[in-house]
Amino acid sequence: MSAVILESTITCPHCGHAETETMPTDACQFFYDCKACGALLKPKKGDCCVFCSYGSVKCPPIQQHKSCCSG
């Protein structure tokens, strides 16, 4: 079993700003405020969290092939 990656780079779809964040391991992150343009990011339909939608790495539960929070 490979190690779980806890950092993911979120890229804002509105302005293109990229920021590396540490993902929570015990909860899904449904909202993220872009630090450049202030846009409130929400998961895309079918994704459980903002990391699965806009991050360079999927959230820890998805990396471990477990079910994530329902979004």
N, C-alpha and C. Protein backbone atom coordinates (compact mmCIF):
# COMPACT_ATOMS: atom_id res chain seq x y z
N MET A 1 0.85 -1.19 0.00
CA MET A 1 0.00 0.00 0.00
C MET A 1 0.89 1.24 0.00
N SER A 2 0.63 2.16 -0.89
CA SER A 2 1.46 3.34 -0.99
C SER A 2 1.07 4.37 0.07
N ALA A 3 2.01 5.23 0.39
CA ALA A 3 1.78 6.26 1.41
C ALA A 3 0.76 7.28 0.92
N VAL A 4 -0.02 7.78 1.85
CA VAL A 4 -1.03 8.79 1.52
C VAL A 4 -0.35 10.15 1.45
N ILE A 5 -0.61 10.88 0.40
CA ILE A 5 -0.07 12.23 0.22
C ILE A 5 -1.03 13.20 0.89
N LEU A 6 -0.51 14.06 1.75
CA LEU A 6 -1.36 14.97 2.51
C LEU A 6 -1.36 16.40 1.98
N GLU A 7 -0.53 16.69 1.01
CA GLU A 7 -0.51 18.04 0.43
C GLU A 7 -0.99 17.99 -1.01
N SER A 8 -1.78 18.99 -1.37
CA SER A 8 -2.32 19.08 -2.72
C SER A 8 -2.30 20.54 -3.15
N THR A 9 -2.02 20.79 -4.41
CA THR A 9 -2.02 22.15 -4.91
C THR A 9 -3.36 22.43 -5.57
N ILE A 10 -4.12 23.35 -4.98
CA ILE A 10 -5.42 23.73 -5.52
C ILE A 10 -5.21 24.84 -6.53
N THR A 11 -5.77 24.69 -7.72
CA THR A 11 -5.69 25.71 -8.76
C THR A 11 -7.08 26.29 -8.97
N CYS A 12 -7.19 27.59 -8.81
CA CYS A 12 -8.46 28.28 -8.97
C CYS A 12 -8.87 28.28 -10.44
N PRO A 13 -10.09 27.82 -10.74
CA PRO A 13 -10.54 27.81 -12.14
C PRO A 13 -10.91 29.21 -12.65
N HIS A 14 -11.02 30.16 -11.74
CA HIS A 14 -11.39 31.53 -12.13
C HIS A 14 -10.19 32.38 -12.52
N CYS A 15 -9.11 32.30 -11.71
CA CYS A 15 -7.96 33.18 -11.98
C CYS A 15 -6.66 32.41 -12.25
N GLY A 16 -6.66 31.10 -12.00
CA GLY A 16 -5.48 30.30 -12.26
C GLY A 16 -4.46 30.27 -11.13
N HIS A 17 -4.74 30.97 -10.03
CA HIS A 17 -3.82 30.97 -8.89
C HIS A 17 -3.71 29.57 -8.30
N ALA A 18 -2.50 29.15 -7.98
CA ALA A 18 -2.27 27.82 -7.39
C ALA A 18 -1.68 27.99 -6.00
N GLU A 19 -2.22 27.23 -5.06
CA GLU A 19 -1.77 27.30 -3.67
C GLU A 19 -1.68 25.88 -3.12
N THR A 20 -0.56 25.54 -2.48
CA THR A 20 -0.41 24.21 -1.90
C THR A 20 -0.97 24.24 -0.48
N GLU A 21 -1.86 23.30 -0.21
CA GLU A 21 -2.54 23.22 1.08
C GLU A 21 -2.39 21.81 1.65
N THR A 22 -2.47 21.70 2.97
CA THR A 22 -2.49 20.41 3.64
C THR A 22 -3.94 19.97 3.76
N MET A 23 -4.22 18.75 3.32
CA MET A 23 -5.59 18.24 3.33
C MET A 23 -5.94 17.67 4.70
N PRO A 24 -7.18 17.88 5.14
CA PRO A 24 -7.61 17.25 6.39
C PRO A 24 -7.73 15.74 6.18
N THR A 25 -7.40 14.96 7.20
CA THR A 25 -7.49 13.50 7.08
C THR A 25 -8.77 12.97 7.70
N ASP A 26 -9.48 13.82 8.45
CA ASP A 26 -10.66 13.36 9.17
C ASP A 26 -11.97 13.99 8.71
N ALA A 27 -11.91 14.79 7.65
CA ALA A 27 -13.12 15.45 7.15
C ALA A 27 -12.90 15.89 5.72
N CYS A 28 -14.00 16.07 5.00
CA CYS A 28 -13.92 16.61 3.65
C CYS A 28 -13.92 18.13 3.71
N GLN A 29 -13.26 18.74 2.77
CA GLN A 29 -13.28 20.20 2.70
C GLN A 29 -14.17 20.59 1.52
N PHE A 30 -15.35 21.10 1.85
CA PHE A 30 -16.34 21.42 0.83
C PHE A 30 -16.14 22.79 0.20
N PHE A 31 -15.50 23.70 0.93
CA PHE A 31 -15.33 25.06 0.43
C PHE A 31 -13.87 25.47 0.53
N TYR A 32 -13.45 26.34 -0.39
CA TYR A 32 -12.09 26.87 -0.36
C TYR A 32 -12.13 28.28 -0.94
N ASP A 33 -11.56 29.23 -0.22
CA ASP A 33 -11.48 30.61 -0.70
C ASP A 33 -10.15 30.81 -1.41
N CYS A 34 -10.20 31.20 -2.68
CA CYS A 34 -8.98 31.50 -3.43
C CYS A 34 -8.29 32.69 -2.78
N LYS A 35 -7.01 32.53 -2.50
CA LYS A 35 -6.26 33.60 -1.84
C LYS A 35 -5.94 34.76 -2.78
N ALA A 36 -6.09 34.56 -4.09
CA ALA A 36 -5.79 35.63 -5.04
C ALA A 36 -7.03 36.44 -5.41
N CYS A 37 -8.08 35.76 -5.87
CA CYS A 37 -9.26 36.50 -6.35
C CYS A 37 -10.46 36.45 -5.40
N GLY A 38 -10.37 35.61 -4.35
CA GLY A 38 -11.45 35.54 -3.37
C GLY A 38 -12.63 34.67 -3.77
N ALA A 39 -12.54 33.97 -4.90
CA ALA A 39 -13.64 33.11 -5.34
C ALA A 39 -13.84 31.98 -4.34
N LEU A 40 -15.08 31.64 -4.06
CA LEU A 40 -15.41 30.52 -3.19
C LEU A 40 -15.56 29.29 -4.06
N LEU A 41 -14.64 28.35 -3.90
CA LEU A 41 -14.68 27.12 -4.69
C LEU A 41 -15.48 26.06 -3.95
N LYS A 42 -16.28 25.34 -4.71
CA LYS A 42 -17.08 24.22 -4.20
C LYS A 42 -16.78 23.01 -5.07
N PRO A 43 -16.96 21.81 -4.55
CA PRO A 43 -16.67 20.61 -5.36
C PRO A 43 -17.54 20.56 -6.61
N LYS A 44 -16.97 20.04 -7.69
CA LYS A 44 -17.74 19.81 -8.92
C LYS A 44 -18.70 18.66 -8.67
N LYS A 45 -19.76 18.61 -9.44
CA LYS A 45 -20.75 17.54 -9.31
C LYS A 45 -20.05 16.18 -9.45
N GLY A 46 -20.31 15.30 -8.49
CA GLY A 46 -19.70 13.98 -8.50
C GLY A 46 -18.42 13.87 -7.68
N ASP A 47 -17.85 15.00 -7.29
CA ASP A 47 -16.65 14.99 -6.45
C ASP A 47 -17.04 15.23 -5.00
N CYS A 48 -16.24 14.68 -4.07
CA CYS A 48 -16.59 14.78 -2.65
C CYS A 48 -16.04 16.04 -1.98
N CYS A 49 -14.99 16.64 -2.56
CA CYS A 49 -14.39 17.80 -1.91
C CYS A 49 -13.64 18.66 -2.93
N VAL A 50 -13.19 19.83 -2.49
CA VAL A 50 -12.48 20.74 -3.40
C VAL A 50 -11.15 20.17 -3.86
N PHE A 51 -10.53 19.30 -3.05
CA PHE A 51 -9.25 18.71 -3.46
C PHE A 51 -9.46 17.73 -4.62
N CYS A 52 -10.57 17.01 -4.61
CA CYS A 52 -10.85 16.08 -5.71
C CYS A 52 -11.20 16.84 -6.99
N SER A 53 -11.77 18.03 -6.85
CA SER A 53 -12.15 18.83 -8.03
C SER A 53 -11.02 19.69 -8.58
N TYR A 54 -10.27 20.34 -7.71
CA TYR A 54 -9.30 21.35 -8.15
C TYR A 54 -7.87 21.08 -7.70
N GLY A 55 -7.64 20.01 -6.94
CA GLY A 55 -6.31 19.74 -6.41
C GLY A 55 -5.46 18.88 -7.32
N SER A 56 -4.16 18.93 -7.08
CA SER A 56 -3.22 18.10 -7.84
C SER A 56 -3.23 16.67 -7.33
N VAL A 57 -3.75 16.46 -6.11
CA VAL A 57 -3.83 15.14 -5.49
C VAL A 57 -5.24 14.99 -4.91
N LYS A 58 -5.84 13.83 -5.09
CA LYS A 58 -7.17 13.57 -4.52
C LYS A 58 -7.06 13.49 -3.00
N CYS A 59 -8.19 13.61 -2.31
CA CYS A 59 -8.20 13.60 -0.85
C CYS A 59 -7.77 12.24 -0.29
N PRO A 60 -7.31 12.20 0.98
CA PRO A 60 -6.80 10.96 1.56
C PRO A 60 -7.75 9.76 1.48
N PRO A 61 -9.05 9.89 1.78
CA PRO A 61 -9.92 8.70 1.67
C PRO A 61 -9.98 8.14 0.24
N ILE A 62 -10.00 8.99 -0.75
CA ILE A 62 -10.04 8.54 -2.14
C ILE A 62 -8.70 7.88 -2.51
N GLN A 63 -7.58 8.42 -2.02
CA GLN A 63 -6.28 7.81 -2.26
C GLN A 63 -6.22 6.40 -1.69
N GLN A 64 -6.94 6.17 -0.59
CA GLN A 64 -6.93 4.88 0.08
C GLN A 64 -8.05 3.97 -0.44
N HIS A 65 -8.73 4.42 -1.49
CA HIS A 65 -9.83 3.66 -2.11
C HIS A 65 -10.96 3.39 -1.12
N LYS A 66 -11.21 4.39 -0.26
CA LYS A 66 -12.31 4.31 0.70
C LYS A 66 -13.37 5.30 0.27
N SER A 67 -14.56 5.16 0.82
CA SER A 67 -15.58 6.14 0.51
C SER A 67 -15.29 7.43 1.28
N CYS A 68 -15.60 8.52 0.65
CA CYS A 68 -15.38 9.82 1.25
C CYS A 68 -16.73 10.35 1.72
N CYS A 69 -16.72 11.52 2.29
CA CYS A 69 -17.97 12.14 2.72
C CYS A 69 -18.88 12.33 1.52
N SER A 70 -20.16 12.28 1.71
CA SER A 70 -21.08 12.54 0.61
C SER A 70 -21.21 14.03 0.43
N GLY A 71 -21.09 14.49 -0.82
CA GLY A 71 -21.09 15.92 -1.06
C GLY A 71 -22.32 16.44 -1.63
